[in-house]
């Protein structure tokens, strides 16, 4: 991990499944964009390459919302084929 990058842990809730991944980035916004680009859609039921492109495009416009009363925890949402994709992510401290 480079000096300016931080580790972010992502939790995606979609169609009853929970998918967890980690990304290194220098800000919460860039973390969301990098996460959308690195999604392995073969592991997520109901999301293919076409929906991944939708997520990537939406992530560029999305402003992550800091969760009320939390430190370093954000939320973003996407609507995919009429289904809500909820993304929570946390700036993760490492040893």
Protein backbone atom coordinates (compact mmCIF):
# COMPACT_ATOMS: atom_id res chain seq x y z
CA UNK A 1 0.00 0.00 0.00
CA UNK A 2 1.40 3.39 -0.95
CA UNK A 3 1.76 6.14 1.63
CA UNK A 4 -1.27 8.16 0.45
CA UNK A 5 -3.56 5.18 -0.11
CA UNK A 6 -5.85 3.80 2.55
CA UNK A 7 -7.60 0.46 2.63
CA UNK A 8 -11.38 0.47 2.17
CA UNK A 9 -13.62 -2.52 2.86
CA UNK A 10 -16.75 -2.75 0.68
CA UNK A 11 -19.95 -4.61 1.50
CA UNK A 12 -22.36 -4.93 -1.41
CA UNK A 13 -25.92 -6.11 -0.71
CA UNK A 14 -27.74 -7.20 -3.86
CA UNK A 15 -30.71 -9.52 -4.37
CA UNK A 16 -30.22 -11.23 -1.01
CA UNK A 17 -26.48 -11.72 -1.40
CA UNK A 18 -23.63 -10.03 0.42
CA UNK A 19 -20.33 -9.52 -1.39
CA UNK A 20 -17.21 -8.22 0.37
CA UNK A 21 -14.04 -6.83 -1.17
CA UNK A 22 -11.22 -4.44 -0.37
CA UNK A 23 -9.69 -1.60 -2.38
CA UNK A 24 -6.75 0.72 -1.84
CA UNK A 25 -7.38 4.37 -2.72
CA UNK A 26 -6.50 7.88 -1.64
CA UNK A 27 -10.09 9.02 -0.90
CA UNK A 28 -13.57 7.64 -0.39
CA UNK A 29 -14.68 8.89 -3.82
CA UNK A 30 -11.75 7.31 -5.63
CA UNK A 31 -12.27 4.12 -3.59
CA UNK A 32 -15.85 3.88 -4.85
CA UNK A 33 -14.74 4.37 -8.45
CA UNK A 34 -11.90 1.84 -8.16
CA UNK A 35 -14.27 -0.64 -6.50
CA UNK A 36 -16.76 -0.32 -9.37
CA UNK A 37 -13.99 -0.91 -11.91
CA UNK A 38 -12.65 -3.98 -10.09
CA UNK A 39 -15.99 -5.73 -9.52
CA UNK A 40 -15.75 -9.41 -10.36
CA UNK A 41 -19.25 -9.84 -11.72
CA UNK A 42 -18.81 -13.59 -12.13
CA UNK A 43 -19.07 -13.80 -8.32
CA UNK A 44 -22.26 -11.70 -8.07
CA UNK A 45 -25.49 -13.40 -9.01
CA UNK A 46 -27.62 -11.28 -11.32
CA UNK A 47 -24.90 -8.79 -12.33
CA UNK A 48 -23.16 -9.13 -15.67
CA UNK A 49 -20.74 -7.00 -17.65
CA UNK A 50 -23.52 -4.70 -18.90
CA UNK A 51 -24.63 -3.90 -15.34
CA UNK A 52 -21.01 -3.47 -14.28
CA UNK A 53 -20.72 -0.71 -16.89
CA UNK A 54 -23.86 0.92 -15.42
CA UNK A 55 -22.31 0.77 -11.94
CA UNK A 56 -19.02 2.24 -13.19
CA UNK A 57 -20.83 5.12 -14.90
CA UNK A 58 -23.04 5.77 -11.86
CA UNK A 59 -20.05 5.63 -9.49
CA UNK A 60 -18.49 8.56 -11.35
CA UNK A 61 -21.55 10.67 -10.50
CA UNK A 62 -22.24 9.27 -7.02
CA UNK A 63 -21.21 11.21 -3.94
CA UNK A 64 -20.74 8.72 -1.09
CA UNK A 65 -22.85 9.61 1.94
CA UNK A 66 -21.19 9.57 5.33
CA UNK A 67 -23.40 7.51 7.63
CA UNK A 68 -24.82 9.61 10.44
CA UNK A 69 -22.99 9.15 13.73
CA UNK A 70 -20.20 7.13 12.12
CA UNK A 71 -16.56 7.86 11.39
CA UNK A 72 -15.12 6.69 8.07
CA UNK A 73 -18.24 4.76 6.97
CA UNK A 74 -20.04 5.67 3.76
CA UNK A 75 -22.98 4.45 1.73
CA UNK A 76 -23.79 4.50 -1.98
CA UNK A 77 -26.77 3.06 -3.82
CA UNK A 78 -27.39 1.94 -7.37
CA UNK A 79 -30.59 0.83 -9.09
CA UNK A 80 -29.91 -2.14 -11.36
CA UNK A 81 -32.76 -3.56 -13.45
CA UNK A 82 -35.23 -2.40 -10.80
CA UNK A 83 -33.22 -3.90 -7.91
CA UNK A 84 -31.44 -1.87 -5.24
CA UNK A 85 -27.71 -2.42 -4.84
CA UNK A 86 -26.62 -1.07 -1.45
CA UNK A 87 -22.91 -0.45 -0.96
CA UNK A 88 -21.50 0.32 2.48
CA UNK A 89 -17.80 0.90 2.80
CA UNK A 90 -15.38 1.58 5.62
CA UNK A 91 -11.92 3.10 5.72
CA UNK A 92 -10.16 0.17 7.33
CA UNK A 93 -7.24 0.52 9.71
CA UNK A 94 -4.41 -1.91 9.09
CA UNK A 95 -1.54 -3.06 11.27
